[in-house]
Amino acid sequence: MNKNKKIAWESWNAKFETEEEDDSYIYSEQEENENDMLDLMPFDMFMPQQRVIHTPIGVYPEESMLKPSDRWDCWICHTNFDITSDIADKIEKSEGIEALKVLGRYSFFIGIAKMFDVKDVRRNIEQEICIYTEEEILSDTEIQKTVDLVKKQLQSSDYWSILVSPTGEVEYVSSNQMNKNYLDGLNNLIVLKNKIGGIILRGING
């Protein structure tokens, strides 16, 4: 595990396109005893072509009031990690999200409701999904070995906490008392975790 999870945010704007005209004609042959052939042109050939917008969640007429960009603040998001069903569920349940479409393994489309601050919604999503779970971090064999070794060294302490970063770096604090020094050390681990990511493992007593 050698990278932090990241999201690149790309604002999505509507692009209108005119539907392709059909250059083909419909021909109808007269009875065999007639000499002329009549070309029958479709009635709608003489109608103006409808302008449409192609969106990540479907095609909409230009005049539609339901176009995504009219209803929401729209973004296409690119990640450097898999968008699993669990992650998609977290995004969909985030406050302010009205539309979600997973576009691929590393990209998704969202529509943010107009009454929500985009910066707040983006920050909340990043805090929810740009993290590694304990299972993900400890699935690395070398990291698990390091953590087991540190735990063994701390087993004589009544109180201990270990910060394990996504890259396998380990910081810890321990004490035989729940005193100010221990709590200050634990707070420093939490601050560091918020900065670099990772997980905090705690002893039985906390």
N, C-alpha and C. Protein backbone atom coordinates (compact mmCIF):
# COMPACT_ATOMS: atom_id res chain seq x y z
N MET A 1 0.85 -1.19 0.00
CA MET A 1 0.00 0.00 0.00
C MET A 1 0.89 1.24 0.00
N ASN A 2 1.00 1.91 -1.11
CA ASN A 2 2.01 2.95 -1.24
C ASN A 2 1.47 4.30 -1.70
N LYS A 3 0.19 4.56 -1.52
CA LYS A 3 -0.35 5.84 -1.94
C LYS A 3 -1.53 6.23 -1.07
N ASN A 4 -1.75 7.54 -0.98
CA ASN A 4 -2.94 8.03 -0.32
C ASN A 4 -4.10 8.04 -1.31
N LYS A 5 -5.29 7.80 -0.81
CA LYS A 5 -6.46 7.86 -1.68
C LYS A 5 -6.78 9.31 -2.01
N LYS A 6 -7.05 9.56 -3.28
CA LYS A 6 -7.31 10.93 -3.73
C LYS A 6 -8.50 10.97 -4.69
N ILE A 7 -9.14 12.16 -4.75
CA ILE A 7 -10.21 12.41 -5.71
C ILE A 7 -9.85 13.67 -6.49
N ALA A 8 -9.93 13.60 -7.82
CA ALA A 8 -9.79 14.78 -8.68
C ALA A 8 -11.19 15.20 -9.11
N TRP A 9 -11.54 16.46 -8.88
CA TRP A 9 -12.88 16.98 -9.14
C TRP A 9 -12.91 17.77 -10.44
N GLU A 10 -13.77 17.38 -11.37
CA GLU A 10 -13.90 18.04 -12.66
C GLU A 10 -15.33 18.56 -12.83
N SER A 11 -15.48 19.87 -12.88
CA SER A 11 -16.81 20.45 -13.04
C SER A 11 -17.38 20.06 -14.39
N TRP A 12 -18.64 19.64 -14.40
CA TRP A 12 -19.27 19.19 -15.64
C TRP A 12 -20.27 20.23 -16.11
N ASN A 13 -20.13 20.65 -17.38
CA ASN A 13 -21.04 21.63 -17.97
C ASN A 13 -21.75 21.02 -19.16
N ALA A 14 -22.98 21.49 -19.40
CA ALA A 14 -23.78 20.97 -20.50
C ALA A 14 -23.18 21.34 -21.84
N LYS A 15 -23.17 20.40 -22.78
CA LYS A 15 -22.77 20.66 -24.16
C LYS A 15 -23.90 20.19 -25.07
N PHE A 16 -24.44 21.13 -25.83
CA PHE A 16 -25.56 20.81 -26.69
C PHE A 16 -25.09 20.31 -28.04
N GLU A 17 -25.83 19.36 -28.56
CA GLU A 17 -25.52 18.82 -29.87
C GLU A 17 -26.82 18.69 -30.66
N THR A 18 -26.72 18.85 -31.98
CA THR A 18 -27.87 18.65 -32.84
C THR A 18 -27.90 17.21 -33.28
N GLU A 19 -29.06 16.61 -33.18
CA GLU A 19 -29.18 15.22 -33.59
C GLU A 19 -28.77 15.09 -35.05
N GLU A 20 -28.09 14.01 -35.40
CA GLU A 20 -27.63 13.80 -36.75
C GLU A 20 -28.83 13.66 -37.69
N GLU A 21 -28.70 14.34 -38.83
CA GLU A 21 -29.75 14.23 -39.81
C GLU A 21 -29.62 12.92 -40.55
N ASP A 22 -30.74 12.36 -40.90
CA ASP A 22 -30.75 11.11 -41.65
C ASP A 22 -30.79 11.45 -43.13
N ASP A 23 -29.71 11.15 -43.86
CA ASP A 23 -29.63 11.50 -45.27
C ASP A 23 -30.37 10.50 -46.16
N SER A 24 -30.88 9.43 -45.60
CA SER A 24 -31.53 8.42 -46.42
C SER A 24 -32.95 8.84 -46.79
N TYR A 25 -33.42 8.37 -47.90
CA TYR A 25 -34.78 8.63 -48.34
C TYR A 25 -35.56 7.32 -48.32
N ILE A 26 -36.84 7.43 -48.20
CA ILE A 26 -37.71 6.26 -48.27
C ILE A 26 -38.28 6.20 -49.68
N TYR A 27 -38.01 5.12 -50.36
CA TYR A 27 -38.48 4.98 -51.73
C TYR A 27 -39.65 4.01 -51.76
N SER A 28 -40.60 4.32 -52.60
CA SER A 28 -41.74 3.43 -52.75
C SER A 28 -41.98 3.21 -54.24
N GLU A 29 -41.95 1.98 -54.66
CA GLU A 29 -42.17 1.68 -56.07
C GLU A 29 -43.67 1.68 -56.38
N GLN A 30 -44.01 2.23 -57.53
CA GLN A 30 -45.39 2.18 -58.00
C GLN A 30 -45.67 0.79 -58.55
N GLU A 31 -46.89 0.57 -58.94
CA GLU A 31 -47.25 -0.70 -59.54
C GLU A 31 -46.37 -0.93 -60.76
N GLU A 32 -46.09 -2.18 -61.09
CA GLU A 32 -45.16 -2.52 -62.16
C GLU A 32 -45.54 -1.90 -63.49
N ASN A 33 -46.86 -1.64 -63.68
CA ASN A 33 -47.28 -1.11 -64.97
C ASN A 33 -47.09 0.39 -65.07
N GLU A 34 -46.60 1.03 -63.98
CA GLU A 34 -46.33 2.46 -64.02
C GLU A 34 -44.85 2.67 -64.30
N ASN A 35 -44.52 3.72 -65.00
CA ASN A 35 -43.15 3.94 -65.43
C ASN A 35 -42.34 4.78 -64.45
N ASP A 36 -43.02 5.56 -63.60
CA ASP A 36 -42.31 6.49 -62.73
C ASP A 36 -42.11 5.91 -61.33
N MET A 37 -41.05 6.34 -60.75
CA MET A 37 -40.80 5.99 -59.34
C MET A 37 -40.92 7.26 -58.52
N LEU A 38 -41.66 7.18 -57.44
CA LEU A 38 -41.90 8.36 -56.60
C LEU A 38 -41.06 8.27 -55.32
N ASP A 39 -40.28 9.31 -55.12
CA ASP A 39 -39.50 9.37 -53.88
C ASP A 39 -40.37 9.98 -52.80
N LEU A 40 -40.54 9.24 -51.74
CA LEU A 40 -41.33 9.74 -50.61
C LEU A 40 -40.40 10.18 -49.50
N MET A 41 -40.42 11.45 -49.21
CA MET A 41 -39.56 11.98 -48.16
C MET A 41 -40.32 12.02 -46.85
N PRO A 42 -39.64 11.68 -45.75
CA PRO A 42 -40.32 11.75 -44.45
C PRO A 42 -40.77 13.18 -44.16
N PHE A 43 -41.94 13.28 -43.55
CA PHE A 43 -42.51 14.59 -43.23
C PHE A 43 -41.58 15.41 -42.34
N ASP A 44 -40.92 14.72 -41.39
CA ASP A 44 -40.11 15.45 -40.41
C ASP A 44 -38.75 15.87 -40.96
N MET A 45 -38.50 15.57 -42.26
CA MET A 45 -37.25 16.04 -42.85
C MET A 45 -37.22 17.56 -42.93
N PHE A 46 -38.40 18.16 -42.99
CA PHE A 46 -38.48 19.61 -43.15
C PHE A 46 -38.68 20.32 -41.82
N MET A 47 -38.69 19.54 -40.72
CA MET A 47 -38.82 20.12 -39.40
C MET A 47 -37.44 20.45 -38.85
N PRO A 48 -37.30 21.50 -38.06
CA PRO A 48 -36.00 21.81 -37.47
C PRO A 48 -35.53 20.68 -36.57
N GLN A 49 -34.23 20.38 -36.64
CA GLN A 49 -33.67 19.31 -35.82
C GLN A 49 -33.62 19.74 -34.36
N GLN A 50 -34.01 18.83 -33.47
CA GLN A 50 -34.04 19.13 -32.04
C GLN A 50 -32.64 19.09 -31.46
N ARG A 51 -32.31 20.13 -30.69
CA ARG A 51 -31.03 20.16 -30.00
C ARG A 51 -31.14 19.37 -28.71
N VAL A 52 -30.15 18.54 -28.47
CA VAL A 52 -30.19 17.68 -27.29
C VAL A 52 -28.88 17.80 -26.53
N ILE A 53 -28.92 17.34 -25.30
CA ILE A 53 -27.71 17.32 -24.48
C ILE A 53 -27.46 15.89 -24.03
N HIS A 54 -26.22 15.45 -24.18
CA HIS A 54 -25.82 14.12 -23.75
C HIS A 54 -25.18 14.25 -22.37
N THR A 55 -25.75 13.61 -21.40
CA THR A 55 -25.28 13.71 -20.02
C THR A 55 -24.86 12.33 -19.52
N PRO A 56 -24.13 12.28 -18.42
CA PRO A 56 -23.76 10.98 -17.86
C PRO A 56 -24.95 10.14 -17.41
N ILE A 57 -26.11 10.78 -17.27
CA ILE A 57 -27.29 10.02 -16.82
C ILE A 57 -28.38 9.98 -17.88
N GLY A 58 -28.03 10.26 -19.13
CA GLY A 58 -29.00 10.14 -20.20
C GLY A 58 -29.00 11.34 -21.13
N VAL A 59 -29.89 11.28 -22.15
CA VAL A 59 -30.02 12.35 -23.15
C VAL A 59 -31.26 13.18 -22.84
N TYR A 60 -31.10 14.51 -22.89
CA TYR A 60 -32.20 15.41 -22.57
C TYR A 60 -32.38 16.44 -23.69
N PRO A 61 -33.64 16.82 -24.02
CA PRO A 61 -33.86 17.91 -24.96
C PRO A 61 -33.33 19.22 -24.38
N GLU A 62 -32.92 20.11 -25.26
CA GLU A 62 -32.34 21.38 -24.81
C GLU A 62 -33.30 22.16 -23.91
N GLU A 63 -34.59 22.11 -24.24
CA GLU A 63 -35.56 22.91 -23.50
C GLU A 63 -36.04 22.24 -22.21
N SER A 64 -35.58 21.02 -21.95
CA SER A 64 -36.05 20.31 -20.76
C SER A 64 -35.60 21.02 -19.48
N MET A 65 -36.53 21.13 -18.54
CA MET A 65 -36.21 21.72 -17.24
C MET A 65 -35.54 20.71 -16.31
N LEU A 66 -35.43 19.48 -16.76
CA LEU A 66 -34.86 18.43 -15.93
C LEU A 66 -33.40 18.15 -16.25
N LYS A 67 -32.78 18.96 -17.10
CA LYS A 67 -31.36 18.76 -17.42
C LYS A 67 -30.54 18.80 -16.14
N PRO A 68 -29.59 17.88 -15.99
CA PRO A 68 -28.78 17.84 -14.75
C PRO A 68 -28.14 19.17 -14.39
N SER A 69 -27.58 19.87 -15.37
CA SER A 69 -26.89 21.13 -15.07
C SER A 69 -27.83 22.25 -14.66
N ASP A 70 -29.12 22.10 -14.96
CA ASP A 70 -30.11 23.08 -14.51
C ASP A 70 -30.57 22.78 -13.09
N ARG A 71 -30.51 21.53 -12.71
CA ARG A 71 -31.04 21.12 -11.41
C ARG A 71 -29.97 21.10 -10.32
N TRP A 72 -28.73 20.74 -10.71
CA TRP A 72 -27.70 20.52 -9.71
C TRP A 72 -26.38 21.17 -10.11
N ASP A 73 -25.46 21.20 -9.16
CA ASP A 73 -24.07 21.53 -9.45
C ASP A 73 -23.39 20.19 -9.76
N CYS A 74 -22.96 20.00 -11.01
CA CYS A 74 -22.55 18.68 -11.46
C CYS A 74 -21.03 18.53 -11.53
N TRP A 75 -20.56 17.34 -11.15
CA TRP A 75 -19.13 17.05 -11.14
C TRP A 75 -18.87 15.63 -11.63
N ILE A 76 -17.76 15.47 -12.36
CA ILE A 76 -17.24 14.14 -12.67
C ILE A 76 -15.98 13.97 -11.83
N CYS A 77 -15.93 12.91 -11.06
CA CYS A 77 -14.85 12.70 -10.09
C CYS A 77 -14.00 11.51 -10.49
N HIS A 78 -12.69 11.68 -10.39
CA HIS A 78 -11.73 10.64 -10.75
C HIS A 78 -10.95 10.24 -9.50
N THR A 79 -10.80 8.95 -9.28
CA THR A 79 -10.12 8.44 -8.08
C THR A 79 -8.91 7.59 -8.47
N ASN A 80 -8.06 7.34 -7.48
CA ASN A 80 -6.95 6.41 -7.69
C ASN A 80 -7.18 5.12 -6.90
N PHE A 81 -8.46 4.85 -6.60
CA PHE A 81 -8.84 3.63 -5.89
C PHE A 81 -10.17 3.14 -6.43
N ASP A 82 -10.44 1.86 -6.23
CA ASP A 82 -11.67 1.24 -6.74
C ASP A 82 -12.91 1.87 -6.10
N ILE A 83 -13.92 2.11 -6.92
CA ILE A 83 -15.20 2.58 -6.40
C ILE A 83 -16.08 1.35 -6.20
N THR A 84 -16.05 0.82 -5.01
CA THR A 84 -16.81 -0.37 -4.68
C THR A 84 -18.27 0.00 -4.39
N SER A 85 -19.10 -1.01 -4.23
CA SER A 85 -20.51 -0.76 -3.91
C SER A 85 -20.64 -0.07 -2.56
N ASP A 86 -19.77 -0.42 -1.61
CA ASP A 86 -19.80 0.23 -0.29
C ASP A 86 -19.45 1.72 -0.41
N ILE A 87 -18.45 2.03 -1.22
CA ILE A 87 -18.06 3.42 -1.41
C ILE A 87 -19.17 4.19 -2.12
N ALA A 88 -19.77 3.59 -3.14
CA ALA A 88 -20.87 4.24 -3.84
C ALA A 88 -22.02 4.53 -2.88
N ASP A 89 -22.27 3.60 -1.98
CA ASP A 89 -23.35 3.79 -1.01
C ASP A 89 -23.05 4.96 -0.07
N LYS A 90 -21.78 5.10 0.33
CA LYS A 90 -21.39 6.22 1.19
C LYS A 90 -21.56 7.55 0.47
N ILE A 91 -21.18 7.59 -0.81
CA ILE A 91 -21.33 8.82 -1.60
C ILE A 91 -22.80 9.19 -1.72
N GLU A 92 -23.61 8.21 -2.05
CA GLU A 92 -25.04 8.46 -2.26
C GLU A 92 -25.72 8.98 -1.00
N LYS A 93 -25.24 8.53 0.17
CA LYS A 93 -25.86 8.94 1.43
C LYS A 93 -25.27 10.23 1.98
N SER A 94 -24.25 10.78 1.31
CA SER A 94 -23.64 12.02 1.77
C SER A 94 -24.64 13.17 1.66
N GLU A 95 -24.63 14.05 2.64
CA GLU A 95 -25.55 15.17 2.65
C GLU A 95 -25.31 16.07 1.44
N GLY A 96 -26.39 16.38 0.71
CA GLY A 96 -26.29 17.26 -0.44
C GLY A 96 -26.28 16.54 -1.78
N ILE A 97 -26.10 15.23 -1.77
CA ILE A 97 -26.03 14.48 -3.03
C ILE A 97 -27.44 14.09 -3.49
N GLU A 98 -27.80 14.52 -4.70
CA GLU A 98 -29.11 14.17 -5.26
C GLU A 98 -29.00 13.19 -6.42
N ALA A 99 -27.83 13.09 -7.02
CA ALA A 99 -27.65 12.15 -8.14
C ALA A 99 -26.26 11.55 -8.09
N LEU A 100 -26.19 10.26 -8.37
CA LEU A 100 -24.91 9.56 -8.43
C LEU A 100 -24.96 8.56 -9.56
N LYS A 101 -23.89 8.55 -10.37
CA LYS A 101 -23.74 7.56 -11.44
C LYS A 101 -22.29 7.10 -11.46
N VAL A 102 -22.07 5.83 -11.16
CA VAL A 102 -20.72 5.28 -11.25
C VAL A 102 -20.42 5.06 -12.73
N LEU A 103 -19.36 5.72 -13.22
CA LEU A 103 -19.03 5.67 -14.64
C LEU A 103 -18.04 4.57 -14.98
N GLY A 104 -17.25 4.19 -14.01
CA GLY A 104 -16.24 3.16 -14.25
C GLY A 104 -15.57 2.78 -12.95
N ARG A 105 -14.50 2.03 -13.07
CA ARG A 105 -13.79 1.56 -11.87
C ARG A 105 -13.24 2.72 -11.05
N TYR A 106 -12.84 3.81 -11.73
CA TYR A 106 -12.20 4.92 -11.04
C TYR A 106 -12.88 6.27 -11.28
N SER A 107 -14.11 6.29 -11.66
CA SER A 107 -14.77 7.57 -11.92
C SER A 107 -16.26 7.49 -11.62
N PHE A 108 -16.83 8.63 -11.21
CA PHE A 108 -18.26 8.70 -10.95
C PHE A 108 -18.77 10.12 -11.18
N PHE A 109 -20.06 10.23 -11.41
CA PHE A 109 -20.73 11.52 -11.63
C PHE A 109 -21.65 11.80 -10.44
N ILE A 110 -21.65 13.05 -9.97
CA ILE A 110 -22.57 13.43 -8.90
C ILE A 110 -23.26 14.74 -9.23
N GLY A 111 -24.48 14.88 -8.73
CA GLY A 111 -25.22 16.13 -8.80
C GLY A 111 -25.45 16.62 -7.38
N ILE A 112 -24.97 17.83 -7.07
CA ILE A 112 -25.10 18.39 -5.73
C ILE A 112 -26.26 19.37 -5.71
N ALA A 113 -27.14 19.22 -4.75
CA ALA A 113 -28.31 20.08 -4.63
C ALA A 113 -27.89 21.54 -4.48
N LYS A 114 -28.68 22.43 -5.07
CA LYS A 114 -28.32 23.85 -5.14
C LYS A 114 -28.19 24.52 -3.77
N MET A 115 -28.90 24.03 -2.77
CA MET A 115 -28.90 24.68 -1.46
C MET A 115 -27.74 24.25 -0.57
N PHE A 116 -26.83 23.44 -1.11
CA PHE A 116 -25.68 22.97 -0.32
C PHE A 116 -24.40 23.59 -0.83
N ASP A 117 -23.48 23.85 0.11
CA ASP A 117 -22.18 24.40 -0.24
C ASP A 117 -21.31 23.30 -0.85
N VAL A 118 -20.86 23.53 -2.06
CA VAL A 118 -20.09 22.51 -2.78
C VAL A 118 -18.83 22.12 -2.02
N LYS A 119 -18.15 23.10 -1.43
CA LYS A 119 -16.92 22.81 -0.69
C LYS A 119 -17.18 21.87 0.47
N ASP A 120 -18.30 22.10 1.17
CA ASP A 120 -18.64 21.24 2.31
C ASP A 120 -18.94 19.81 1.85
N VAL A 121 -19.69 19.70 0.75
CA VAL A 121 -20.05 18.37 0.23
C VAL A 121 -18.80 17.62 -0.21
N ARG A 122 -17.92 18.31 -0.92
CA ARG A 122 -16.69 17.66 -1.38
C ARG A 122 -15.83 17.21 -0.20
N ARG A 123 -15.69 18.07 0.79
CA ARG A 123 -14.88 17.72 1.96
C ARG A 123 -15.47 16.51 2.69
N ASN A 124 -16.79 16.48 2.84
CA ASN A 124 -17.44 15.36 3.52
C ASN A 124 -17.22 14.05 2.77
N ILE A 125 -17.32 14.10 1.44
CA ILE A 125 -17.13 12.89 0.64
C ILE A 125 -15.69 12.40 0.78
N GLU A 126 -14.74 13.31 0.70
CA GLU A 126 -13.33 12.92 0.82
C GLU A 126 -13.05 12.30 2.19
N GLN A 127 -13.64 12.88 3.22
CA GLN A 127 -13.43 12.32 4.57
C GLN A 127 -14.07 10.95 4.72
N GLU A 128 -15.11 10.70 3.96
CA GLU A 128 -15.81 9.42 4.06
C GLU A 128 -15.12 8.31 3.27
N ILE A 129 -14.61 8.64 2.08
CA ILE A 129 -14.13 7.55 1.20
C ILE A 129 -12.63 7.56 0.95
N CYS A 130 -11.94 8.66 1.24
CA CYS A 130 -10.49 8.69 1.02
C CYS A 130 -9.74 8.19 2.24
N ILE A 131 -10.17 7.10 2.78
CA ILE A 131 -9.55 6.51 3.96
C ILE A 131 -9.32 5.03 3.71
N TYR A 132 -8.35 4.49 4.43
CA TYR A 132 -8.11 3.06 4.39
C TYR A 132 -8.71 2.43 5.64
N THR A 133 -9.38 1.33 5.47
CA THR A 133 -9.93 0.61 6.61
C THR A 133 -8.82 -0.21 7.27
N GLU A 134 -9.08 -0.65 8.48
CA GLU A 134 -8.12 -1.51 9.18
C GLU A 134 -7.85 -2.77 8.37
N GLU A 135 -8.89 -3.32 7.78
CA GLU A 135 -8.74 -4.53 6.98
C GLU A 135 -7.82 -4.30 5.78
N GLU A 136 -7.99 -3.14 5.11
CA GLU A 136 -7.17 -2.84 3.94
C GLU A 136 -5.70 -2.67 4.32
N ILE A 137 -5.44 -1.92 5.38
CA ILE A 137 -4.05 -1.67 5.77
C ILE A 137 -3.36 -2.93 6.26
N LEU A 138 -4.05 -3.69 7.10
CA LEU A 138 -3.42 -4.88 7.68
C LEU A 138 -3.42 -6.07 6.72
N SER A 139 -4.00 -5.91 5.54
CA SER A 139 -3.94 -6.97 4.54
C SER A 139 -2.53 -7.07 3.94
N ASP A 140 -1.73 -6.00 4.14
CA ASP A 140 -0.33 -6.03 3.72
C ASP A 140 0.47 -6.84 4.75
N THR A 141 1.07 -7.92 4.30
CA THR A 141 1.75 -8.85 5.20
C THR A 141 2.86 -8.17 6.01
N GLU A 142 3.65 -7.33 5.36
CA GLU A 142 4.76 -6.67 6.04
C GLU A 142 4.26 -5.70 7.10
N ILE A 143 3.19 -4.97 6.78
CA ILE A 143 2.62 -4.04 7.76
C ILE A 143 2.07 -4.81 8.96
N GLN A 144 1.41 -5.93 8.70
CA GLN A 144 0.87 -6.74 9.79
C GLN A 144 1.98 -7.24 10.69
N LYS A 145 3.10 -7.65 10.11
CA LYS A 145 4.24 -8.13 10.91
C LYS A 145 4.78 -7.00 11.80
N THR A 146 4.88 -5.80 11.24
CA THR A 146 5.38 -4.65 12.01
C THR A 146 4.46 -4.34 13.17
N VAL A 147 3.16 -4.34 12.90
CA VAL A 147 2.17 -4.05 13.94
C VAL A 147 2.22 -5.09 15.04
N ASP A 148 2.32 -6.36 14.67
CA ASP A 148 2.39 -7.43 15.66
C ASP A 148 3.63 -7.28 16.55
N LEU A 149 4.74 -6.86 15.95
CA LEU A 149 5.98 -6.67 16.70
C LEU A 149 5.84 -5.52 17.70
N VAL A 150 5.23 -4.42 17.27
CA VAL A 150 5.04 -3.28 18.16
C VAL A 150 4.08 -3.65 19.30
N LYS A 151 3.01 -4.35 18.98
CA LYS A 151 2.06 -4.79 20.01
C LYS A 151 2.77 -5.64 21.07
N LYS A 152 3.67 -6.50 20.62
CA LYS A 152 4.39 -7.37 21.55
C LYS A 152 5.25 -6.53 22.49
N GLN A 153 5.86 -5.47 21.94
CA GLN A 153 6.69 -4.59 22.76
C GLN A 153 5.87 -3.80 23.78
N LEU A 154 4.61 -3.55 23.45
CA LEU A 154 3.76 -2.71 24.31
C LEU A 154 2.86 -3.50 25.24
N GLN A 155 2.94 -4.82 25.21
CA GLN A 155 1.99 -5.63 25.95
C GLN A 155 2.10 -5.47 27.47
N SER A 156 3.22 -4.97 27.93
CA SER A 156 3.38 -4.76 29.38
C SER A 156 2.77 -3.45 29.85
N SER A 157 2.37 -2.59 28.90
CA SER A 157 1.77 -1.30 29.25
C SER A 157 0.26 -1.44 29.38
N ASP A 158 -0.30 -0.75 30.36
CA ASP A 158 -1.76 -0.81 30.55
C ASP A 158 -2.50 -0.05 29.45
N TYR A 159 -1.90 1.02 28.97
CA TYR A 159 -2.56 1.85 27.96
C TYR A 159 -1.61 2.04 26.78
N TRP A 160 -2.09 1.80 25.58
CA TRP A 160 -1.29 2.05 24.39
C TRP A 160 -2.18 2.31 23.18
N SER A 161 -1.65 3.08 22.26
CA SER A 161 -2.32 3.37 21.00
C SER A 161 -1.26 3.41 19.90
N ILE A 162 -1.58 2.82 18.76
CA ILE A 162 -0.65 2.74 17.64
C ILE A 162 -1.29 3.37 16.40
N LEU A 163 -0.58 4.30 15.77
CA LEU A 163 -1.00 4.85 14.49
C LEU A 163 -0.27 4.11 13.38
N VAL A 164 -1.02 3.54 12.46
CA VAL A 164 -0.44 2.85 11.30
C VAL A 164 -0.85 3.61 10.05
N SER A 165 0.11 4.15 9.33
CA SER A 165 -0.18 4.93 8.13
C SER A 165 -0.45 4.00 6.94
N PRO A 166 -1.05 4.52 5.86
CA PRO A 166 -1.28 3.67 4.67
C PRO A 166 0.00 3.12 4.07
N THR A 167 1.14 3.78 4.33
CA THR A 167 2.41 3.30 3.79
C THR A 167 3.16 2.39 4.75
N GLY A 168 2.55 2.10 5.92
CA GLY A 168 3.17 1.17 6.85
C GLY A 168 4.00 1.80 7.94
N GLU A 169 4.06 3.13 7.98
CA GLU A 169 4.80 3.79 9.05
C GLU A 169 4.02 3.67 10.36
N VAL A 170 4.72 3.48 11.47
CA VAL A 170 4.08 3.25 12.76
C VAL A 170 4.56 4.27 13.79
N GLU A 171 3.61 4.88 14.48
CA GLU A 171 3.89 5.75 15.62
C GLU A 171 3.03 5.26 16.78
N TYR A 172 3.53 5.37 18.00
CA TYR A 172 2.73 4.87 19.12
C TYR A 172 2.97 5.68 20.38
N VAL A 173 2.06 5.53 21.33
CA VAL A 173 2.19 6.13 22.64
C VAL A 173 1.73 5.09 23.65
N SER A 174 2.39 5.03 24.81
CA SER A 174 2.01 4.03 25.82
C SER A 174 2.24 4.60 27.20
N SER A 175 1.55 4.01 28.17
CA SER A 175 1.68 4.45 29.56
C SER A 175 1.01 3.42 30.47
N ASN A 176 1.38 3.43 31.73
CA ASN A 176 0.70 2.58 32.71
C ASN A 176 -0.41 3.34 33.43
N GLN A 177 -0.57 4.61 33.06
CA GLN A 177 -1.62 5.43 33.66
C GLN A 177 -2.30 6.26 32.57
N MET A 178 -3.59 6.50 32.78
CA MET A 178 -4.32 7.37 31.87
C MET A 178 -4.09 8.81 32.34
N ASN A 179 -2.88 9.30 32.05
CA ASN A 179 -2.51 10.62 32.54
C ASN A 179 -2.45 11.62 31.37
N LYS A 180 -2.05 12.86 31.71
CA LYS A 180 -2.01 13.92 30.71
C LYS A 180 -1.01 13.61 29.60
N ASN A 181 0.12 13.07 29.95
CA ASN A 181 1.12 12.76 28.94
C ASN A 181 0.58 11.76 27.91
N TYR A 182 -0.12 10.74 28.42
CA TYR A 182 -0.68 9.75 27.51
C TYR A 182 -1.75 10.37 26.62
N LEU A 183 -2.64 11.16 27.21
CA LEU A 183 -3.72 11.78 26.44
C LEU A 183 -3.18 12.77 25.42
N ASP A 184 -2.14 13.51 25.79
CA ASP A 184 -1.51 14.43 24.84
C ASP A 184 -0.88 13.65 23.68
N GLY A 185 -0.23 12.54 24.00
CA GLY A 185 0.37 11.70 22.96
C GLY A 185 -0.68 11.12 22.03
N LEU A 186 -1.81 10.69 22.61
CA LEU A 186 -2.89 10.15 21.81
C LEU A 186 -3.47 11.23 20.89
N ASN A 187 -3.62 12.44 21.42
CA ASN A 187 -4.13 13.53 20.61
C ASN A 187 -3.20 13.84 19.44
N ASN A 188 -1.89 13.75 19.68
CA ASN A 188 -0.92 13.97 18.59
C ASN A 188 -1.07 12.90 17.50
N LEU A 189 -1.34 11.66 17.92
CA LEU A 189 -1.56 10.60 16.94
C LEU A 189 -2.80 10.89 16.10
N ILE A 190 -3.85 11.38 16.74
CA ILE A 190 -5.08 11.69 16.03
C ILE A 190 -4.87 12.81 15.02
N VAL A 191 -4.11 13.84 15.44
CA VAL A 191 -3.81 14.95 14.53
C VAL A 191 -3.02 14.44 13.33
N LEU A 192 -2.04 13.58 13.58
CA LEU A 192 -1.22 13.03 12.50
C LEU A 192 -2.06 12.15 11.58
N LYS A 193 -2.95 11.38 12.17
CA LYS A 193 -3.84 10.53 11.36
C LYS A 193 -4.69 11.38 10.42
N ASN A 194 -5.22 12.50 10.92
CA ASN A 194 -6.04 13.36 10.08
C ASN A 194 -5.23 13.97 8.93
N LYS A 195 -3.92 14.05 9.14
CA LYS A 195 -3.05 14.65 8.13
C LYS A 195 -2.60 13.64 7.08
N ILE A 196 -2.22 12.45 7.51
CA ILE A 196 -1.64 11.48 6.58
C ILE A 196 -2.54 10.28 6.32
N GLY A 197 -3.63 10.15 7.08
CA GLY A 197 -4.49 8.98 6.93
C GLY A 197 -4.01 7.83 7.79
N GLY A 198 -4.63 6.68 7.58
CA GLY A 198 -4.24 5.51 8.35
C GLY A 198 -5.26 5.14 9.40
N ILE A 199 -4.86 4.31 10.35
CA ILE A 199 -5.75 3.82 11.40
C ILE A 199 -5.05 3.93 12.74
N ILE A 200 -5.84 3.99 13.82
CA ILE A 200 -5.30 3.96 15.17
C ILE A 200 -5.82 2.71 15.87
N LEU A 201 -4.89 1.91 16.35
CA LEU A 201 -5.23 0.70 17.09
C LEU A 201 -5.04 1.01 18.56
N ARG A 202 -5.98 0.53 19.40
CA ARG A 202 -5.93 0.83 20.84
C ARG A 202 -5.83 -0.46 21.64
N GLY A 203 -5.23 -0.34 22.80
CA GLY A 203 -5.16 -1.48 23.71
C GLY A 203 -6.52 -1.74 24.34
N ILE A 204 -6.63 -2.79 25.10
CA ILE A 204 -7.90 -3.18 25.72
C ILE A 204 -8.42 -2.06 26.63
N ASN A 205 -7.53 -1.39 27.33
CA ASN A 205 -7.95 -0.32 28.24
C ASN A 205 -8.15 1.02 27.54
N GLY A 206 -7.73 1.12 26.28
CA GLY A 206 -7.91 2.37 25.55
C GLY A 206 -6.66 3.18 25.47
